[in-house]
Protein backbone atom coordinates (compact mmCIF):
# COMPACT_ATOMS: atom_id res chain seq x y z
CA MET A 1 98.77 46.75 -130.59
CA ILE A 2 97.63 49.20 -127.94
CA VAL A 3 94.01 50.37 -127.94
CA TYR A 4 93.21 50.16 -124.22
CA ARG A 5 94.40 52.90 -121.92
CA GLU A 6 95.59 52.64 -118.35
CA GLU A 7 92.63 53.60 -116.22
CA SER A 8 93.25 55.07 -112.81
CA ARG A 9 91.93 53.09 -109.86
CA PRO A 10 89.83 55.42 -107.72
CA LEU A 11 90.32 55.56 -103.97
CA LEU A 12 87.35 54.33 -101.94
CA THR A 13 87.32 55.36 -98.28
CA LEU A 14 85.35 54.15 -95.28
CA ASP A 15 82.91 56.96 -96.07
CA ALA A 16 81.45 54.52 -98.61
CA ILE A 17 79.88 52.71 -95.67
CA ALA A 18 77.90 55.85 -94.82
CA SER A 19 76.21 55.67 -98.21
CA ILE A 20 75.56 51.95 -97.77
CA ARG A 21 74.13 52.52 -94.27
CA CYS A 22 71.86 55.25 -95.63
CA LYS A 23 70.52 52.95 -98.37
CA CYS A 24 70.00 50.13 -95.87
CA GLY A 25 68.02 52.61 -93.79
CA THR A 26 65.84 53.36 -96.80
CA LEU A 27 65.17 49.63 -97.18
CA ALA A 28 64.30 49.45 -93.49
CA THR A 29 61.65 52.16 -93.85
CA GLY A 30 59.71 49.92 -96.18
CA ASN A 31 61.06 50.88 -99.60
CA ASN A 32 61.20 47.71 -101.66
CA ASP A 33 62.66 49.39 -104.72
CA HIS A 34 64.55 46.86 -106.82
CA GLU A 35 66.97 49.43 -108.26
CA LEU A 36 67.96 50.37 -104.72
CA SER A 37 68.72 46.77 -103.81
CA ARG A 38 70.81 46.39 -106.98
CA ASP A 39 72.75 49.59 -106.23
CA LEU A 40 73.43 48.29 -102.71
CA LEU A 41 74.61 44.93 -104.00
CA ILE A 42 77.02 46.55 -106.48
CA GLU A 43 78.23 49.33 -104.19
CA PHE A 44 78.98 47.07 -101.25
CA GLY A 45 80.54 44.48 -103.56
CA GLN A 46 83.01 47.03 -104.89
CA TRP A 47 84.01 48.07 -101.38
CA GLU A 48 84.25 44.45 -100.21
CA CYS A 49 86.44 43.64 -103.21
CA GLY A 50 88.82 46.49 -102.37
CA ILE A 51 89.04 45.36 -98.74
CA ALA A 52 89.67 41.73 -99.74
CA ASP A 53 92.44 42.76 -102.13
CA ALA A 54 94.04 44.91 -99.43
CA LEU A 55 93.91 42.16 -96.79
CA SER A 56 95.01 39.40 -99.20
CA PRO A 57 97.63 41.05 -101.44
CA SER A 58 99.33 37.86 -102.65
CA CYS A 59 97.33 34.92 -101.30
CA ASP A 60 93.64 34.65 -100.40
CA LEU A 61 93.29 34.22 -96.65
CA SER A 62 90.73 32.90 -94.20
CA ASP A 63 89.99 36.10 -92.28
CA SER A 64 87.11 36.73 -89.86
CA ARG A 65 86.61 40.22 -91.23
CA LEU A 66 86.27 38.95 -94.79
CA ALA A 67 83.88 36.25 -93.59
CA GLU A 68 81.60 38.90 -92.07
CA LEU A 69 81.70 40.96 -95.27
CA ARG A 70 80.67 37.85 -97.20
CA LYS A 71 77.75 37.14 -94.87
CA PHE A 72 76.53 40.69 -95.38
CA SER A 73 76.90 40.40 -99.16
CA VAL A 74 74.97 37.12 -99.24
CA ALA A 75 72.19 38.69 -97.18
CA LEU A 76 72.14 41.58 -99.66
CA GLY A 77 71.92 38.97 -102.40
CA GLN A 78 68.83 37.54 -100.69
CA VAL A 79 67.19 40.97 -100.54
CA PHE A 80 68.08 41.51 -104.17
CA ALA A 81 66.69 38.13 -105.29
CA ARG A 82 63.46 38.70 -103.36
CA SER A 83 62.93 42.16 -104.84
CA TRP A 84 63.63 40.87 -108.36
CA ARG A 85 60.97 38.19 -107.97
CA GLY A 86 58.52 40.67 -106.49
CA GLN A 87 58.37 38.88 -103.15
CA PRO A 88 57.34 40.74 -99.98
CA ARG A 89 60.04 42.52 -98.08
CA SER A 90 61.51 40.46 -95.23
CA ASP A 91 61.70 42.59 -92.09
CA ARG A 92 63.77 39.90 -90.41
CA LEU A 93 66.31 40.01 -93.22
CA ILE A 94 66.46 43.80 -93.16
CA ARG A 95 67.04 43.80 -89.40
CA ARG A 96 69.79 41.22 -89.91
CA LEU A 97 71.46 43.45 -92.49
CA THR A 98 71.42 46.42 -90.11
CA ALA A 99 72.85 44.37 -87.25
CA MET A 100 75.59 42.90 -89.44
CA LEU A 101 76.55 46.35 -90.71
CA ASP A 102 76.96 47.56 -87.13
CA GLY A 103 79.22 44.59 -86.48
CA ILE A 104 81.26 45.23 -89.60
CA LEU A 105 81.89 48.82 -88.52
CA SER A 106 83.45 47.56 -85.30
CA PHE A 107 86.24 45.84 -87.24
CA SER A 108 89.54 47.45 -88.15
CA PHE A 109 89.77 48.03 -91.91
CA PRO A 110 92.15 50.03 -94.14
CA ASP A 111 91.08 53.67 -94.21
CA ALA A 112 91.01 53.63 -98.02
CA VAL A 113 91.28 51.02 -100.76
CA ARG A 114 91.86 51.16 -104.50
CA VAL A 115 89.03 49.80 -106.63
CA THR A 116 88.67 49.02 -110.31
CA GLU A 117 85.91 49.92 -112.73
CA LEU A 118 83.48 47.02 -112.98
CA GLU A 119 83.25 46.84 -116.76
CA GLY A 120 80.16 44.67 -117.00
CA TYR A 121 78.15 47.13 -114.91
CA ALA A 122 79.68 50.14 -116.62
CA TYR A 123 79.78 49.24 -120.31
CA TYR A 124 78.20 45.94 -121.26
CA GLY A 125 74.81 45.86 -119.60
CA LEU A 126 75.60 42.93 -117.33
CA PHE A 127 72.64 42.52 -114.99
CA PRO A 128 73.09 40.50 -111.79
CA GLU A 129 69.44 39.52 -112.26
CA VAL A 130 70.46 36.96 -114.88
CA PHE A 131 72.75 35.31 -112.33
CA VAL A 132 69.79 35.03 -109.96
CA ALA A 133 67.91 33.17 -112.70
CA ALA A 134 70.91 30.90 -113.32
CA ALA A 135 71.23 30.12 -109.59
CA GLU A 136 67.53 29.30 -109.31
CA ARG A 137 67.75 26.93 -112.27
CA PHE A 138 70.85 25.28 -110.82
CA PHE A 139 69.11 24.72 -107.48
CA ARG A 140 65.97 23.28 -109.10
CA GLU A 141 67.97 20.85 -111.20
CA ALA A 142 70.83 19.84 -108.84
CA ARG A 143 69.10 20.12 -105.46
CA PRO A 144 72.46 20.54 -103.70
CA HIS A 145 72.64 19.64 -100.01
CA HIS A 146 75.11 22.48 -99.45
CA SER A 147 76.67 25.00 -101.84
CA VAL A 148 79.80 27.13 -101.70
CA CYS A 149 79.75 30.17 -103.98
CA ILE A 150 83.21 31.40 -104.95
CA GLY A 151 83.27 34.85 -106.50
CA ILE A 152 86.24 35.80 -108.67
CA ARG A 153 87.17 39.39 -107.86
CA SER A 154 86.47 42.05 -109.01
CA ILE A 155 82.91 41.86 -110.37
CA GLY A 156 82.48 38.28 -109.19
CA THR A 157 82.23 39.69 -105.65
CA SER A 158 78.70 41.02 -106.16
CA LEU A 159 77.71 38.46 -108.80
CA SER A 160 78.51 35.60 -106.40
CA ALA A 161 76.47 37.35 -103.69
CA ALA A 162 73.51 37.36 -106.09
CA VAL A 163 74.00 33.64 -106.81
CA ALA A 164 74.40 32.74 -103.13
CA GLY A 165 71.43 34.90 -102.17
CA ALA A 166 69.23 33.26 -104.79
CA ILE A 167 70.22 29.78 -103.60
CA ALA A 168 69.46 30.77 -100.01
CA GLU A 169 66.08 32.19 -101.04
CA SER A 170 65.36 28.95 -102.87
CA GLY A 171 65.82 27.08 -99.60
CA GLY A 172 69.41 25.96 -99.97
CA SER A 173 72.25 25.97 -97.46
CA VAL A 174 75.04 28.16 -98.79
CA GLU A 175 78.29 29.84 -97.81
CA SER A 176 80.54 32.09 -99.87
CA LEU A 177 84.02 33.52 -100.29
CA THR A 178 85.90 35.50 -102.93
CA VAL A 179 89.30 34.85 -104.51
CA ARG A 180 91.70 36.67 -106.82
CA PRO A 181 93.59 34.50 -109.36
CA ARG A 182 96.95 36.13 -110.05
CA GLY A 183 99.67 36.12 -112.68
CA HIS A 184 99.73 36.55 -116.43
CA PRO A 185 96.23 37.18 -117.87
CA PHE A 186 96.55 34.08 -120.06
CA ASP A 187 97.82 31.87 -117.23
CA ARG A 188 96.15 32.87 -113.97
CA GLN A 189 97.02 30.86 -110.87
CA LEU A 190 95.07 30.69 -107.59
CA GLN A 191 96.88 30.99 -104.27
CA VAL A 192 94.77 30.32 -101.17
CA SER A 193 95.67 29.71 -97.55
CA ASP A 194 96.05 26.24 -96.07
CA ALA A 195 92.94 26.91 -93.96
CA ILE A 196 90.83 27.41 -97.07
CA ARG A 197 92.25 24.32 -98.78
CA SER A 198 91.66 22.24 -95.66
CA ARG A 199 88.02 23.30 -95.51
CA TRP A 200 87.56 22.36 -99.17
CA ARG A 201 89.07 18.93 -98.52
CA GLU A 202 86.80 18.39 -95.52
CA ASN A 203 83.74 19.28 -97.58
CA ARG A 204 84.37 17.39 -100.79
CA HIS A 205 80.69 16.43 -100.98
CA PHE A 206 79.53 20.09 -101.26
CA HIS A 207 78.67 21.71 -104.60
CA TYR A 208 81.02 24.55 -105.60
CA ALA A 209 79.80 27.40 -107.78
CA ILE A 210 82.49 29.57 -109.44
CA VAL A 211 81.04 32.95 -110.38
CA ASP A 212 82.42 35.73 -112.57
CA GLU A 213 81.91 37.86 -115.64
CA GLY A 214 83.39 36.41 -118.80
CA PRO A 215 85.31 34.22 -119.47
CA GLY A 216 87.76 36.29 -121.48
CA LEU A 217 90.25 35.27 -124.12
CA SER A 218 92.01 32.69 -121.98
CA GLY A 219 89.42 31.34 -119.56
CA SER A 220 92.28 30.91 -117.10
CA SER A 221 90.59 32.66 -114.13
CA PHE A 222 87.72 30.19 -114.06
CA GLY A 223 90.13 27.37 -114.84
CA SER A 224 92.53 28.22 -112.03
CA VAL A 225 89.78 28.12 -109.38
CA ALA A 226 88.43 24.84 -110.74
CA GLU A 227 91.95 23.39 -110.75
CA ALA A 228 92.46 24.34 -107.09
CA LEU A 229 89.14 22.74 -106.14
CA SER A 230 90.00 19.61 -108.10
CA ASP A 231 93.37 19.43 -106.34
CA ALA A 232 91.45 19.53 -103.04
CA GLY A 233 89.53 16.45 -104.08
CA ILE A 234 86.27 18.01 -105.26
CA PRO A 235 84.71 15.81 -107.99
CA ASP A 236 84.31 17.50 -111.38
CA SER A 237 80.56 16.90 -111.22
CA ARG A 238 80.30 19.15 -108.15
CA ILE A 239 82.20 22.09 -109.66
CA VAL A 240 79.87 24.38 -111.61
CA PHE A 241 80.72 27.50 -113.61
CA PHE A 242 78.46 30.57 -113.52
CA PRO A 243 79.82 32.77 -116.36
CA SER A 244 78.06 35.64 -118.15
CA TRP A 245 78.01 33.81 -121.50
CA ASN A 246 78.60 30.42 -123.07
CA PRO A 247 82.02 30.44 -124.75
CA ASP A 248 83.56 28.12 -127.29
CA SER A 249 86.32 26.75 -125.09
CA ALA A 250 88.26 25.66 -128.18
CA SER A 251 89.03 29.33 -128.80
CA PHE A 252 90.66 29.88 -125.38
CA VAL A 253 94.28 30.98 -125.47
CA SER A 254 94.96 28.76 -122.44
CA ARG A 255 94.90 25.10 -123.43
CA SER A 256 94.67 23.98 -119.80
CA ALA A 257 91.66 26.27 -119.26
CA ALA A 258 90.00 24.88 -122.40
CA GLU A 259 90.45 21.34 -121.12
CA ARG A 260 89.25 22.26 -117.65
CA TRP A 261 86.18 24.04 -119.03
CA ASN A 262 84.98 20.87 -120.71
CA HIS A 263 85.04 18.97 -117.42
CA HIS A 264 82.39 21.07 -115.69
CA ARG A 265 78.82 22.16 -116.12
CA SER A 266 78.12 25.81 -116.96
CA VAL A 267 74.90 27.55 -115.93
CA VAL A 268 74.18 30.81 -117.77
CA GLY A 269 71.26 33.21 -117.34
CA GLU A 270 69.93 34.90 -120.47
CA PHE A 271 69.40 38.66 -120.65
CA GLU A 272 66.77 38.28 -123.35
CA GLU A 273 64.75 35.76 -121.38
CA GLU A 274 64.91 37.53 -118.04
CA LEU A 275 64.65 41.17 -119.09
CA VAL A 276 63.13 41.24 -122.57
CA HIS A 277 60.80 38.27 -123.14
CA SER A 278 59.57 38.42 -119.54
CA GLY A 279 57.94 41.81 -120.13
CA TRP A 280 60.33 43.57 -117.72
CA MET A 281 61.48 45.98 -120.42
CA GLN A 282 58.00 47.26 -121.13
CA ARG A 283 57.35 47.72 -117.43
CA ALA A 284 60.65 49.58 -116.98
CA PHE A 285 60.77 51.60 -120.21
CA GLY A 286 57.12 51.96 -121.18
CA ARG A 287 54.64 50.14 -123.35
CA GLY A 288 55.25 49.57 -127.03
CA HIS A 289 57.42 47.41 -129.25
CA TRP A 290 61.06 47.67 -128.21
CA ARG A 291 63.50 46.52 -130.85
CA ASP A 292 67.01 45.36 -130.00
CA VAL A 293 69.50 47.41 -132.04
CA SER A 294 72.64 46.37 -130.14
CA ALA A 295 75.78 44.98 -131.78
CA GLY A 296 75.37 46.98 -134.98
CA LYS A 297 71.73 46.16 -135.61
CA TRP A 298 70.96 49.92 -135.49
CA ARG A 299 72.38 50.06 -139.02
CA GLU A 300 69.27 48.28 -140.30
CA VAL A 301 67.20 51.26 -139.13
CA LEU A 302 69.35 54.05 -140.55
CA TYR A 303 70.51 52.51 -143.85
CA THR A 304 68.61 50.94 -146.73
CA GLU A 305 71.49 48.84 -148.11
CA PRO A 306 74.04 46.69 -146.22
CA SER A 307 76.68 48.00 -148.63
CA GLU A 308 76.31 51.38 -146.88
CA PHE A 309 76.86 50.01 -143.37
CA PRO A 310 79.78 51.46 -141.41
CA ALA A 311 82.13 49.01 -139.68
CA VAL A 312 81.09 47.85 -136.20
CA GLN A 313 82.87 45.76 -133.58
CA PRO A 314 79.79 44.18 -131.92
CA GLN A 315 81.61 43.25 -128.69
CA HIS A 316 82.36 46.90 -127.98
CA GLU A 317 78.84 48.24 -128.39
CA ARG A 318 76.48 49.13 -125.54
CA ARG A 319 73.11 47.43 -125.27
CA LYS A 320 70.44 49.58 -126.91
CA PHE A 321 66.80 49.31 -127.86
CA ILE A 322 64.52 51.59 -129.87
CA ARG A 323 60.78 52.08 -129.84
CA LEU A 324 59.44 53.31 -133.16
CA ASP A 325 55.85 53.79 -131.91
CA HIS A 326 54.95 57.33 -130.90
CA PRO A 327 56.85 58.85 -129.19
CA GLN A 328 59.99 57.36 -130.71
CA LEU A 329 62.57 56.55 -128.04
CA ILE A 330 65.97 54.95 -127.70
CA ALA A 331 67.10 53.20 -124.51
CA LYS A 332 70.86 52.90 -124.21
CA PHE A 333 72.76 51.23 -121.41
CA VAL A 334 74.99 53.84 -119.73
CA GLY A 335 75.86 52.14 -116.44
CA PHE A 336 74.45 51.68 -112.96
CA GLY A 337 74.64 54.20 -110.14
CA ALA A 338 76.86 57.26 -110.35
CA ARG A 339 78.19 56.35 -113.78
CA GLY A 340 74.73 56.36 -115.32
CA GLN A 341 73.90 59.63 -113.58
CA ALA A 342 77.03 61.25 -115.04
CA CYS A 343 76.03 60.15 -118.55
CA ALA A 344 72.52 61.53 -118.06
CA GLU A 345 73.94 64.88 -116.95
CA ARG A 346 76.24 64.99 -119.98
CA ALA A 347 73.26 64.28 -122.23
CA ARG A 348 71.36 67.16 -120.64
CA ILE A 349 74.28 69.54 -121.22
CA LEU A 350 74.66 68.61 -124.90
CA SER A 351 70.95 68.38 -125.67
CA GLY A 352 70.37 71.73 -123.96
CA ALA A 353 72.67 73.28 -126.57
CA GLY A 354 70.88 71.40 -129.36
CA PHE A 355 73.68 68.99 -130.25
CA THR A 356 71.91 65.73 -129.42
CA THR A 357 68.43 64.42 -128.67
CA ASN A 358 66.58 65.09 -125.43
CA PRO A 359 67.15 62.67 -122.53
CA HIS A 360 63.94 61.69 -120.74
CA GLU A 361 64.69 59.26 -117.95
CA LEU A 362 67.49 57.23 -116.40
CA THR A 363 66.22 53.86 -115.24
CA ASN A 364 67.89 50.55 -114.47
CA GLY A 365 71.17 51.67 -116.05
CA PHE A 366 69.49 52.73 -119.30
CA LEU A 367 69.08 56.31 -120.49
CA LEU A 368 65.85 56.87 -122.41
CA SER A 369 66.11 59.64 -125.01
CA SER A 370 64.17 60.84 -128.02
CA PHE A 371 64.97 58.90 -131.18
CA VAL A 372 65.14 60.87 -134.41
CA THR A 373 65.62 59.28 -137.81
CA GLY A 374 67.81 60.89 -140.44
CA ASN A 375 70.65 60.37 -142.87
CA PRO A 376 74.10 59.55 -141.43
CA ALA A 377 77.00 61.54 -142.85
CA VAL A 378 79.79 59.79 -144.74
CA SER A 379 83.50 60.40 -145.05
CA GLY A 380 84.14 63.10 -147.60
CA THR A 381 80.99 65.07 -146.72
CA ARG A 382 81.52 68.71 -147.65
CA SER A 383 78.37 70.23 -146.18
CA ARG A 384 79.10 73.71 -144.87
CA GLU A 385 76.27 73.24 -142.39
CA LEU A 386 77.89 70.12 -140.95
CA VAL A 387 81.37 71.67 -140.80
CA CYS A 388 79.99 74.62 -138.84
CA ARG A 389 77.99 72.32 -136.60
CA MET A 390 81.04 70.22 -135.72
CA ALA A 391 83.14 73.29 -134.95
CA HIS A 392 80.42 74.66 -132.65
CA TYR A 393 80.09 71.26 -130.98
CA LEU A 394 83.80 70.99 -130.18
CA ALA A 395 83.91 74.57 -128.92
CA HIS A 396 80.95 73.78 -126.66
CA VAL A 397 82.69 70.67 -125.28
CA ARG A 398 85.75 72.76 -124.51
CA SER A 399 83.61 75.35 -122.76
CA GLU A 400 81.25 73.12 -120.78
CA LEU A 401 82.97 69.77 -120.19
CA PRO A 402 86.41 70.29 -118.65
CA ALA A 403 88.27 67.41 -117.00
CA SER A 404 90.69 67.57 -114.09
CA ALA A 405 93.29 65.04 -115.27
CA PRO A 406 96.51 66.26 -116.92
CA VAL A 407 97.39 65.25 -120.47
CA PRO A 408 98.82 61.69 -120.20
CA TRP A 409 101.91 62.32 -122.35
CA ASP A 410 103.86 59.16 -121.53
CA GLU A 411 100.88 56.88 -122.13
CA LEU A 412 100.00 58.64 -125.39
CA LEU A 413 103.56 58.49 -126.69
CA ARG A 414 103.87 54.79 -125.89
CA MET A 415 100.59 54.04 -127.67
CA VAL A 416 101.58 56.04 -130.75
CA LEU A 417 105.08 54.64 -131.27
CA TYR A 418 104.13 51.06 -130.45
CA ASN A 419 101.14 51.05 -132.79
CA ILE A 420 103.13 52.62 -135.61
CA GLY A 421 105.83 50.00 -135.22
CA GLU A 422 103.27 47.18 -135.19
CA THR A 423 101.26 48.42 -138.18
CA LEU A 424 103.70 50.31 -140.42
CA GLY A 425 107.02 48.87 -139.29
CA GLN A 426 109.95 50.09 -137.23
CA ASP A 427 111.26 52.41 -139.93
CA TRP A 428 108.07 54.46 -139.73
CA ALA A 429 108.17 54.31 -135.94
CA ALA A 430 111.71 55.72 -136.00
CA ARG A 431 110.57 58.56 -138.26
CA ALA A 432 107.62 59.26 -135.92
CA GLU A 433 109.92 59.71 -132.93
CA ARG A 434 110.17 63.35 -133.97
CA ILE A 435 106.89 63.93 -132.16
CA VAL A 436 108.80 63.88 -128.85
CA LEU A 437 109.83 67.43 -129.74
CA LEU A 438 106.18 68.42 -129.24
CA ARG A 439 106.08 67.23 -125.65
CA HIS A 440 106.03 70.65 -123.99
CA VAL A 441 103.35 71.87 -126.38
CA VAL A 442 101.12 68.85 -125.74
CA GLU A 443 101.62 68.82 -121.97
CA ASP A 444 100.67 72.49 -121.79
CA GLY A 445 97.20 71.59 -123.09
CA ALA A 446 94.17 70.93 -120.89
CA THR A 447 91.90 67.88 -120.92
CA TYR A 448 88.16 67.68 -121.51
CA ARG A 449 85.42 65.07 -121.41
CA LEU A 450 85.33 64.92 -125.16
CA ASP A 451 83.73 62.59 -127.67
CA GLY A 452 86.89 60.72 -128.60
CA ARG A 453 85.64 59.42 -131.94
CA MET A 454 84.32 61.84 -134.54
CA LEU A 455 83.06 59.11 -136.86
CA PRO A 456 81.01 60.43 -139.79
CA HIS A 457 78.05 58.08 -139.30
CA GLU A 458 77.55 59.46 -135.79
CA TRP A 459 76.41 62.77 -137.32
CA ILE A 460 72.79 62.42 -138.46
CA GLN A 461 71.11 64.93 -140.78
CA THR A 462 67.55 65.40 -139.57
CA ALA A 463 64.70 67.70 -140.58
CA THR A 464 65.96 70.25 -138.05
CA GLY A 465 69.69 69.97 -138.75
CA PHE A 466 72.61 67.74 -137.82
CA LEU A 467 72.60 65.89 -134.49
CA LYS A 468 75.48 64.02 -132.81
CA THR A 469 74.84 60.49 -131.60
CA ASP A 470 76.86 58.28 -129.24
CA VAL A 471 78.08 61.22 -127.17
CA LEU A 472 77.79 59.90 -123.64
CA ASP A 473 80.81 58.05 -122.30
CA HIS A 474 83.69 57.44 -124.69
CA HIS A 475 85.80 59.83 -122.63
CA HIS A 476 85.30 57.44 -119.72
CA ASP A 477 85.63 53.97 -121.20
CA HIS A 478 88.71 51.75 -121.36
CA PHE A 479 89.80 52.78 -124.86
CA PHE A 480 91.90 55.75 -125.89
CA PRO A 481 91.78 58.69 -125.61
CA GLY A 482 90.01 59.08 -122.23
CA PRO A 483 89.78 62.66 -120.95
CA GLN A 484 91.90 64.44 -123.50
CA ASP A 485 92.78 67.67 -125.28
CA VAL A 486 90.01 68.74 -127.67
CA ALA A 487 92.74 68.71 -130.31
CA TRP A 488 92.20 64.93 -130.45
CA ASP A 489 88.67 65.46 -131.80
CA VAL A 490 89.67 68.38 -134.02
CA ALA A 491 92.30 66.14 -135.60
CA GLY A 492 89.86 63.24 -135.74
CA THR A 493 87.31 65.32 -137.62
CA ALA A 494 89.82 66.26 -140.31
CA ILE A 495 91.01 62.64 -140.63
CA GLU A 496 87.57 61.00 -140.63
CA PHE A 497 86.02 63.41 -143.13
CA ALA A 498 89.13 63.33 -145.34
CA PHE A 499 89.52 67.12 -145.36
CA ASP A 500 92.20 68.45 -147.68
CA ASN A 501 94.67 71.08 -146.47
CA ALA A 502 92.42 74.04 -147.27
CA GLU A 503 89.36 72.42 -145.70
CA THR A 504 91.34 71.56 -142.60
CA GLU A 505 92.58 75.12 -142.27
CA GLY A 506 89.06 76.47 -142.62
CA PHE A 507 87.69 74.07 -140.02
CA VAL A 508 90.50 74.80 -137.55
CA ASP A 509 90.05 78.55 -138.05
CA LEU A 510 86.34 78.26 -137.33
CA TYR A 511 86.83 76.12 -134.23
CA ALA A 512 89.67 78.28 -132.87
CA GLY A 513 87.61 81.44 -133.23
CA LEU A 514 84.58 79.93 -131.51
CA ALA A 515 86.58 78.31 -128.70
CA GLY A 516 89.22 81.01 -128.25
CA ASP A 517 91.79 78.22 -128.66
CA MET A 518 94.52 80.11 -130.47
CA GLU A 519 97.20 77.51 -129.68
CA ILE A 520 95.38 74.64 -131.40
CA ARG A 521 97.65 74.60 -134.46
CA ARG A 522 100.74 73.96 -132.36
CA ARG A 523 99.17 70.86 -130.80
CA LEU A 524 97.45 69.46 -133.89
CA PRO A 525 100.47 67.76 -135.56
CA PHE A 526 100.87 65.49 -132.55
CA TYR A 527 97.17 64.69 -132.29
CA ARG A 528 96.79 63.98 -136.00
CA VAL A 529 99.44 61.29 -135.62
CA ALA A 530 98.04 60.04 -132.29
CA TYR A 531 94.44 59.81 -133.48
CA THR A 532 95.34 57.99 -136.68
CA ALA A 533 97.74 55.59 -134.94
CA PHE A 534 95.00 54.60 -132.52
CA ARG A 535 92.30 54.16 -135.17
CA LEU A 536 94.66 52.14 -137.38
CA ALA A 537 95.52 49.77 -134.52
CA TYR A 538 91.87 49.43 -133.49
CA SER A 539 90.83 48.69 -137.08
CA ARG A 540 93.55 46.07 -137.55
CA LEU A 541 92.57 44.30 -134.34
CA ALA A 542 88.90 44.34 -135.33
CA GLU A 543 89.73 43.11 -138.85
CA ASN A 544 91.67 40.18 -137.39
CA SER A 545 89.00 39.22 -134.85
CA LEU A 546 85.90 39.55 -137.05
CA SER A 547 84.89 37.45 -140.00
CA GLY A 548 82.46 38.41 -142.73
CA PRO A 549 81.47 41.90 -143.88
CA ASP A 550 82.53 43.80 -140.76
CA GLY A 551 85.99 42.27 -140.89
CA ASP A 552 86.23 43.42 -144.50
CA ARG A 553 84.96 46.89 -143.59
CA PHE A 554 87.60 47.28 -140.91
CA GLY A 555 90.19 46.07 -143.40
CA CYS A 556 89.21 48.89 -145.76
CA LEU A 557 89.34 51.39 -142.90
CA ALA A 558 92.77 50.12 -141.87
CA SER A 559 94.11 50.67 -145.38
CA ARG A 560 92.80 54.24 -145.37
CA TYR A 561 94.20 54.97 -141.90
CA SER A 562 97.53 53.44 -142.90
CA ALA A 563 97.88 55.82 -145.85
CA ALA A 564 96.76 58.76 -143.70
CA LEU A 565 99.22 57.91 -140.93
CA LYS A 566 102.13 57.80 -143.35
CA ARG A 567 101.15 61.26 -144.61
CA GLU A 568 100.92 62.63 -141.06
CA ILE A 569 104.32 61.23 -140.09
CA SER A 570 105.86 62.64 -143.25
CA ARG A 571 104.58 66.10 -142.30
CA LEU A 572 106.37 66.14 -138.95
CA LYS A 573 109.19 68.61 -138.79
């Protein structure tokens, strides 16, 4: 089933170096700000990754330019590790960074490279600080004579720099490179040059650290690098994994990866230990008792009975914490750098119009906002106040949050027909093919940075009226719909709240009048099918991957979406 959308890969030009140079200059003036060093580590890592992919399109090469980029990244990792541990700024290291950057600019590089979104830094609250802690523990326990840190691109580029930098700051001898395993996601294979393999064979006594986010469903990226090292004669005891979590290798799709995983030590840093129990959170967010409400635990705050809980897929939730002392606050991870800034600006736009709570501060990838308790709405709510509020909200999104991308017709159509075939069967998919007649109507629409999921429990009735929660970034994550026609959310509202025909007409009339969107009814038949097909597929996948109450809750949702989707297909003309 299709729930992920095809994200565009932005173009990063050599102008990115200007920003990096500017930030290095800020470090050189004496600013020892840890957030700045993290931003530098991530920003340069993304650019380095794009350059490495461009210079090594099918096989990872031994290239002097890539070697210099790695040296710079490792030095950045040292600066980052020092700032995290509160150590004095090293002027010698800063001067070295500046000199290396000048040398890097003398090389010939592609004018522009395509880069991917680094999901851990964007969505899942992955902090390179925990990799510093893991590297320090590894060095204390193993006392390696010499280490080689191998980062798996993409995000492993900067994560491996953090690991290498921490080892260097601990007093170890270290070098680093990055690689890109290729092939089917469940069977990645590593291709490296003979020069790289020869160096590995010559240095079989070194320790090799393989660094990346994950592992994912297969574990094959980690496994492919370990396999290549083993083939070069590196003993299993000297190959160490640095993942972002401890998996159950028995669940890997790749049997060879599962077997390989059990041969090697894994060293994992813990977010809770490094950033919660250490007191960092109180220093960063403010004093008080901060309660972890990630992975669905927020339901314990808003509901009195578990039987009332809405369905949650914990793996897809952002990290979030609340402070119930006065003033009540919520800290939600929204991403580092420009991504977090965009979410903060969106929050200001929506809170300024009274649709969500006030944002206070963006710090360390978390947006701190006011936290207001209230009663979540449920499907079937018929409150006139809420209906009016939702119509005003969608009209405001259409007015204030336009997007530049065109409507992705081909991608939407593929998602819809494939999901219908997988969930309802090919007969229903054949009947749904009538939506192709709506192509010109849909493509004529504009896209907006909308909410993407008008789930009832995300509307909270407070003492001052209804507020919308979870409004920040679903238009910019890796799930459907992405930037899309507001008709997606208009349709979603009618589906989620189980409006009958008359209620739907009234809601659409109200929205259309407020937004001046007089063509909405022509586009709605397509989006009612598209929204429901996506939510049905998502619910089925969640039902199959979760056990216990949430699996059951998604099963109930899937049954409801299934019935709704059949009705929507039957209405197509």
